[in-house]
Amino acid sequence: MALSKAQLKNRIISEMQAQGATATGEHSWVNRMAEAIANAVVDEVQSNAEVPVTGGSSAGNYKVK
């Protein structure tokens, strides 16, 4: 499964709303903050994460996409 910035953003918004944050209104930073966090997390994982496959014909290390 590929990582999705949009799905992570929506999950972060939902979690923030569950904690009492308001995602609407001209002064709300919830959407912008959630997008920044989601982008940073997905970019970091895709840049650095590897999955080791230890057996079979596909043995080796593979980057996370």
PDB file of N, CA and C in Angstrom:
ATOM      1  N   MET A   1       0.845  -1.175   0.000  1.00  0.00           N
ATOM      2  CA  MET A   1       0.000   0.000   0.000  1.00  0.00           C
ATOM      3  C   MET A   1       0.887   1.234   0.000  1.00  0.00           C
ATOM      4  N   ALA A   2       0.645   2.140  -0.884  1.00  0.00           N
ATOM      5  CA  ALA A   2       1.400   3.388  -0.950  1.00  0.00           C
ATOM      6  C   ALA A   2       0.913   4.346   0.132  1.00  0.00           C
ATOM      7  N   LEU A   3       1.825   5.181   0.606  1.00  0.00           N
ATOM      8  CA  LEU A   3       1.453   6.194   1.586  1.00  0.00           C
ATOM      9  C   LEU A   3       0.715   7.325   0.882  1.00  0.00           C
ATOM     10  N   SER A   4      -0.289   7.863   1.544  1.00  0.00           N
ATOM     11  CA  SER A   4      -1.087   8.935   0.960  1.00  0.00           C
ATOM     12  C   SER A   4      -1.047  10.163   1.859  1.00  0.00           C
ATOM     13  N   LYS A   5      -0.518  11.257   1.323  1.00  0.00           N
ATOM     14  CA  LYS A   5      -0.489  12.512   2.079  1.00  0.00           C
ATOM     15  C   LYS A   5      -1.904  12.985   2.388  1.00  0.00           C
ATOM     16  N   ALA A   6      -2.805  12.841   1.425  1.00  0.00           N
ATOM     17  CA  ALA A   6      -4.186  13.306   1.615  1.00  0.00           C
ATOM     18  C   ALA A   6      -4.898  12.511   2.705  1.00  0.00           C
ATOM     19  N   GLN A   7      -4.723  11.190   2.703  1.00  0.00           N
ATOM     20  CA  GLN A   7      -5.372  10.369   3.730  1.00  0.00           C
ATOM     21  C   GLN A   7      -4.795  10.655   5.111  1.00  0.00           C
ATOM     22  N   LEU A   8      -3.482  10.838   5.192  1.00  0.00           N
ATOM     23  CA  LEU A   8      -2.867  11.158   6.478  1.00  0.00           C
ATOM     24  C   LEU A   8      -3.337  12.525   6.960  1.00  0.00           C
ATOM     25  N   LYS A   9      -3.429  13.495   6.064  1.00  0.00           N
ATOM     26  CA  LYS A   9      -3.932  14.832   6.428  1.00  0.00           C
ATOM     27  C   LYS A   9      -5.330  14.717   7.022  1.00  0.00           C
ATOM     28  N   ASN A  10      -6.207  13.978   6.373  1.00  0.00           N
ATOM     29  CA  ASN A  10      -7.577  13.826   6.872  1.00  0.00           C
ATOM     30  C   ASN A  10      -7.612  13.136   8.233  1.00  0.00           C
ATOM     31  N   ARG A  11      -6.742  12.174   8.426  1.00  0.00           N
ATOM     32  CA  ARG A  11      -6.672  11.478   9.720  1.00  0.00           C
ATOM     33  C   ARG A  11      -6.196  12.441  10.811  1.00  0.00           C
ATOM     34  N   ILE A  12      -5.197  13.259  10.494  1.00  0.00           N
ATOM     35  CA  ILE A  12      -4.699  14.244  11.459  1.00  0.00           C
ATOM     36  C   ILE A  12      -5.789  15.246  11.805  1.00  0.00           C
ATOM     37  N   ILE A  13      -6.517  15.726  10.805  1.00  0.00           N
ATOM     38  CA  ILE A  13      -7.622  16.666  11.056  1.00  0.00           C
ATOM     39  C   ILE A  13      -8.658  16.025  11.972  1.00  0.00           C
ATOM     40  N   SER A  14      -9.018  14.778  11.696  1.00  0.00           N
ATOM     41  CA  SER A  14     -10.002  14.079  12.529  1.00  0.00           C
ATOM     42  C   SER A  14      -9.521  13.961  13.970  1.00  0.00           C
ATOM     43  N   GLU A  15      -8.258  13.624  14.149  1.00  0.00           N
ATOM     44  CA  GLU A  15      -7.699  13.501  15.494  1.00  0.00           C
ATOM     45  C   GLU A  15      -7.661  14.847  16.205  1.00  0.00           C
ATOM     46  N   MET A  16      -7.320  15.896  15.477  1.00  0.00           N
ATOM     47  CA  MET A  16      -7.285  17.231  16.079  1.00  0.00           C
ATOM     48  C   MET A  16      -8.690  17.685  16.482  1.00  0.00           C
ATOM     49  N   GLN A  17      -9.668  17.389  15.628  1.00  0.00           N
ATOM     50  CA  GLN A  17     -11.054  17.736  15.964  1.00  0.00           C
ATOM     51  C   GLN A  17     -11.529  16.954  17.185  1.00  0.00           C
ATOM     52  N   ALA A  18     -11.112  15.704  17.298  1.00  0.00           N
ATOM     53  CA  ALA A  18     -11.480  14.895  18.458  1.00  0.00           C
ATOM     54  C   ALA A  18     -10.900  15.483  19.748  1.00  0.00           C
ATOM     55  N   GLN A  19      -9.806  16.236  19.628  1.00  0.00           N
ATOM     56  CA  GLN A  19      -9.192  16.883  20.777  1.00  0.00           C
ATOM     57  C   GLN A  19      -9.760  18.279  21.030  1.00  0.00           C
ATOM     58  N   GLY A  20     -10.723  18.693  20.183  1.00  0.00           N
ATOM     59  CA  GLY A  20     -11.394  19.973  20.399  1.00  0.00           C
ATOM     60  C   GLY A  20     -11.015  21.082  19.444  1.00  0.00           C
ATOM     61  N   ALA A  21     -10.122  20.823  18.487  1.00  0.00           N
ATOM     62  CA  ALA A  21      -9.733  21.850  17.521  1.00  0.00           C
ATOM     63  C   ALA A  21     -10.860  22.073  16.516  1.00  0.00           C
ATOM     64  N   THR A  22     -10.913  23.281  15.978  1.00  0.00           N
ATOM     65  CA  THR A  22     -11.913  23.637  14.974  1.00  0.00           C
ATOM     66  C   THR A  22     -11.217  23.806  13.629  1.00  0.00           C
ATOM     67  N   ALA A  23     -11.668  23.069  12.637  1.00  0.00           N
ATOM     68  CA  ALA A  23     -11.027  23.086  11.320  1.00  0.00           C
ATOM     69  C   ALA A  23     -11.636  24.104  10.374  1.00  0.00           C
ATOM     70  N   THR A  24     -12.620  24.846  10.824  1.00  0.00           N
ATOM     71  CA  THR A  24     -13.264  25.836   9.967  1.00  0.00           C
ATOM     72  C   THR A  24     -13.064  27.231  10.547  1.00  0.00           C
ATOM     73  N   GLY A  25     -13.321  28.229   9.739  1.00  0.00           N
ATOM     74  CA  GLY A  25     -13.172  29.611  10.176  1.00  0.00           C
ATOM     75  C   GLY A  25     -11.902  30.212   9.600  1.00  0.00           C
ATOM     76  N   GLU A  26     -11.918  31.525   9.440  1.00  0.00           N
ATOM     77  CA  GLU A  26     -10.802  32.183   8.763  1.00  0.00           C
ATOM     78  C   GLU A  26      -9.494  32.146   9.559  1.00  0.00           C
ATOM     79  N   HIS A  27      -9.561  31.936  10.848  1.00  0.00           N
ATOM     80  CA  HIS A  27      -8.351  31.921  11.670  1.00  0.00           C
ATOM     81  C   HIS A  27      -7.887  30.510  12.038  1.00  0.00           C
ATOM     82  N   SER A  28      -8.558  29.491  11.520  1.00  0.00           N
ATOM     83  CA  SER A  28      -8.180  28.116  11.845  1.00  0.00           C
ATOM     84  C   SER A  28      -6.923  27.707  11.074  1.00  0.00           C
ATOM     85  N   TRP A  29      -5.976  27.134  11.800  1.00  0.00           N
ATOM     86  CA  TRP A  29      -4.746  26.620  11.197  1.00  0.00           C
ATOM     87  C   TRP A  29      -4.768  25.105  11.084  1.00  0.00           C
ATOM     88  N   VAL A  30      -5.871  24.475  11.439  1.00  0.00           N
ATOM     89  CA  VAL A  30      -5.929  23.016  11.485  1.00  0.00           C
ATOM     90  C   VAL A  30      -5.604  22.395  10.130  1.00  0.00           C
ATOM     91  N   ASN A  31      -6.231  22.859   9.060  1.00  0.00           N
ATOM     92  CA  ASN A  31      -6.000  22.264   7.739  1.00  0.00           C
ATOM     93  C   ASN A  31      -4.561  22.470   7.270  1.00  0.00           C
ATOM     94  N   ARG A  32      -4.037  23.676   7.437  1.00  0.00           N
ATOM     95  CA  ARG A  32      -2.663  23.957   7.004  1.00  0.00           C
ATOM     96  C   ARG A  32      -1.652  23.188   7.845  1.00  0.00           C
ATOM     97  N   MET A  33      -1.888  23.111   9.137  1.00  0.00           N
ATOM     98  CA  MET A  33      -0.985  22.373  10.011  1.00  0.00           C
ATOM     99  C   MET A  33      -1.025  20.882   9.697  1.00  0.00           C
ATOM    100  N   ALA A  34      -2.221  20.341   9.491  1.00  0.00           N
ATOM    101  CA  ALA A  34      -2.364  18.920   9.173  1.00  0.00           C
ATOM    102  C   ALA A  34      -1.672  18.587   7.852  1.00  0.00           C
ATOM    103  N   GLU A  35      -1.795  19.465   6.871  1.00  0.00           N
ATOM    104  CA  GLU A  35      -1.147  19.231   5.582  1.00  0.00           C
ATOM    105  C   GLU A  35       0.374  19.268   5.729  1.00  0.00           C
ATOM    106  N   ALA A  36       0.888  20.222   6.484  1.00  0.00           N
ATOM    107  CA  ALA A  36       2.335  20.312   6.692  1.00  0.00           C
ATOM    108  C   ALA A  36       2.865  19.074   7.398  1.00  0.00           C
ATOM    109  N   ILE A  37       2.163  18.622   8.435  1.00  0.00           N
ATOM    110  CA  ILE A  37       2.590  17.431   9.177  1.00  0.00           C
ATOM    111  C   ILE A  37       2.533  16.200   8.275  1.00  0.00           C
ATOM    112  N   ALA A  38       1.441  16.031   7.546  1.00  0.00           N
ATOM    113  CA  ALA A  38       1.291  14.869   6.661  1.00  0.00           C
ATOM    114  C   ALA A  38       2.378  14.851   5.593  1.00  0.00           C
ATOM    115  N   ASN A  39       2.639  16.000   4.976  1.00  0.00           N
ATOM    116  CA  ASN A  39       3.681  16.069   3.945  1.00  0.00           C
ATOM    117  C   ASN A  39       5.042  15.693   4.517  1.00  0.00           C
ATOM    118  N   ALA A  40       5.369  16.226   5.678  1.00  0.00           N
ATOM    119  CA  ALA A  40       6.669  15.948   6.287  1.00  0.00           C
ATOM    120  C   ALA A  40       6.814  14.473   6.658  1.00  0.00           C
ATOM    121  N   VAL A  41       5.781  13.892   7.224  1.00  0.00           N
ATOM    122  CA  VAL A  41       5.844  12.490   7.643  1.00  0.00           C
ATOM    123  C   VAL A  41       5.995  11.569   6.437  1.00  0.00           C
ATOM    124  N   VAL A  42       5.160  11.759   5.432  1.00  0.00           N
ATOM    125  CA  VAL A  42       5.220  10.896   4.249  1.00  0.00           C
ATOM    126  C   VAL A  42       6.552  11.065   3.529  1.00  0.00           C
ATOM    127  N   ASP A  43       7.015  12.295   3.363  1.00  0.00           N
ATOM    128  CA  ASP A  43       8.303  12.522   2.695  1.00  0.00           C
ATOM    129  C   ASP A  43       9.447  11.864   3.460  1.00  0.00           C
ATOM    130  N   GLU A  44       9.437  11.972   4.787  1.00  0.00           N
ATOM    131  CA  GLU A  44      10.492  11.369   5.609  1.00  0.00           C
ATOM    132  C   GLU A  44      10.488   9.845   5.484  1.00  0.00           C
ATOM    133  N   VAL A  45       9.317   9.247   5.553  1.00  0.00           N
ATOM    134  CA  VAL A  45       9.217   7.790   5.448  1.00  0.00           C
ATOM    135  C   VAL A  45       9.669   7.338   4.066  1.00  0.00           C
ATOM    136  N   GLN A  46       9.197   8.012   3.028  1.00  0.00           N
ATOM    137  CA  GLN A  46       9.564   7.602   1.677  1.00  0.00           C
ATOM    138  C   GLN A  46      11.052   7.807   1.392  1.00  0.00           C
ATOM    139  N   SER A  47      11.665   8.770   2.038  1.00  0.00           N
ATOM    140  CA  SER A  47      13.081   9.036   1.815  1.00  0.00           C
ATOM    141  C   SER A  47      13.989   8.058   2.546  1.00  0.00           C
ATOM    142  N   ASN A  48      13.553   7.581   3.706  1.00  0.00           N
ATOM    143  CA  ASN A  48      14.472   6.847   4.563  1.00  0.00           C
ATOM    144  C   ASN A  48      14.083   5.425   4.929  1.00  0.00           C
ATOM    145  N   ALA A  49      12.845   5.057   4.793  1.00  0.00           N
ATOM    146  CA  ALA A  49      12.403   3.738   5.249  1.00  0.00           C
ATOM    147  C   ALA A  49      12.768   2.655   4.240  1.00  0.00           C
ATOM    148  N   GLU A  50      13.201   1.517   4.779  1.00  0.00           N
ATOM    149  CA  GLU A  50      13.475   0.339   3.959  1.00  0.00           C
ATOM    150  C   GLU A  50      12.811  -0.871   4.600  1.00  0.00           C
ATOM    151  N   VAL A  51      12.377  -1.791   3.755  1.00  0.00           N
ATOM    152  CA  VAL A  51      11.761  -3.022   4.233  1.00  0.00           C
ATOM    153  C   VAL A  51      12.687  -4.178   3.871  1.00  0.00           C
ATOM    154  N   PRO A  52      13.177  -4.897   4.879  1.00  0.00           N
ATOM    155  CA  PRO A  52      14.035  -6.043   4.568  1.00  0.00           C
ATOM    156  C   PRO A  52      13.197  -7.286   4.251  1.00  0.00           C
ATOM    157  N   VAL A  53      13.494  -7.920   3.151  1.00  0.00           N
ATOM    158  CA  VAL A  53      12.888  -9.202   2.793  1.00  0.00           C
ATOM    159  C   VAL A  53      14.009 -10.227   2.944  1.00  0.00           C
ATOM    160  N   THR A  54      13.844 -11.151   3.897  1.00  0.00           N
ATOM    161  CA  THR A  54      14.954 -12.027   4.277  1.00  0.00           C
ATOM    162  C   THR A  54      15.004 -13.360   3.553  1.00  0.00           C
ATOM    163  N   GLY A  55      13.990 -13.699   2.792  1.00  0.00           N
ATOM    164  CA  GLY A  55      14.020 -14.991   2.131  1.00  0.00           C
ATOM    165  C   GLY A  55      13.349 -14.972   0.781  1.00  0.00           C
ATOM    166  N   GLY A  56      13.519 -16.034   0.071  1.00  0.00           N
ATOM    167  CA  GLY A  56      12.885 -16.185  -1.226  1.00  0.00           C
ATOM    168  C   GLY A  56      13.642 -15.476  -2.338  1.00  0.00           C
ATOM    169  N   SER A  57      13.066 -15.510  -3.518  1.00  0.00           N
ATOM    170  CA  SER A  57      13.728 -14.920  -4.678  1.00  0.00           C
ATOM    171  C   SER A  57      13.716 -13.395  -4.646  1.00  0.00           C
ATOM    172  N   SER A  58      12.938 -12.811  -3.744  1.00  0.00           N
ATOM    173  CA  SER A  58      12.872 -11.348  -3.628  1.00  0.00           C
ATOM    174  C   SER A  58      13.703 -10.816  -2.461  1.00  0.00           C
ATOM    175  N   ALA A  59      14.593 -11.625  -1.925  1.00  0.00           N
ATOM    176  CA  ALA A  59      15.390 -11.214  -0.768  1.00  0.00           C
ATOM    177  C   ALA A  59      16.159  -9.932  -1.065  1.00  0.00           C
ATOM    178  N   GLY A  60      16.224  -9.072  -0.079  1.00  0.00           N
ATOM    179  CA  GLY A  60      16.937  -7.806  -0.212  1.00  0.00           C
ATOM    180  C   GLY A  60      16.240  -6.712   0.566  1.00  0.00           C
ATOM    181  N   ASN A  61      16.708  -5.486   0.429  1.00  0.00           N
ATOM    182  CA  ASN A  61      16.085  -4.337   1.072  1.00  0.00           C
ATOM    183  C   ASN A  61      15.389  -3.493   0.012  1.00  0.00           C
ATOM    184  N   TYR A  62      14.184  -3.046   0.350  1.00  0.00           N
ATOM    185  CA  TYR A  62      13.383  -2.275  -0.597  1.00  0.00           C
ATOM    186  C   TYR A  62      12.924  -0.977   0.036  1.00  0.00           C
ATOM    187  N   LYS A  63      12.942   0.101  -0.741  1.00  0.00           N
ATOM    188  CA  LYS A  63      12.483   1.407  -0.278  1.00  0.00           C
ATOM    189  C   LYS A  63      10.966   1.405  -0.148  1.00  0.00           C
ATOM    190  N   VAL A  64      10.462   2.188   0.802  1.00  0.00           N
ATOM    191  CA  VAL A  64       9.020   2.361   0.981  1.00  0.00           C
ATOM    192  C   VAL A  64       8.563   3.440   0.015  1.00  0.00           C
ATOM    193  N   LYS A  65       7.443   3.191  -0.676  1.00  0.00           N
ATOM    194  CA  LYS A  65       6.921   4.178  -1.642  1.00  0.00           C
ATOM    195  C   LYS A  65       5.648   4.783  -1.141  1.00  0.00           C
TER     196      LYS A  65
END
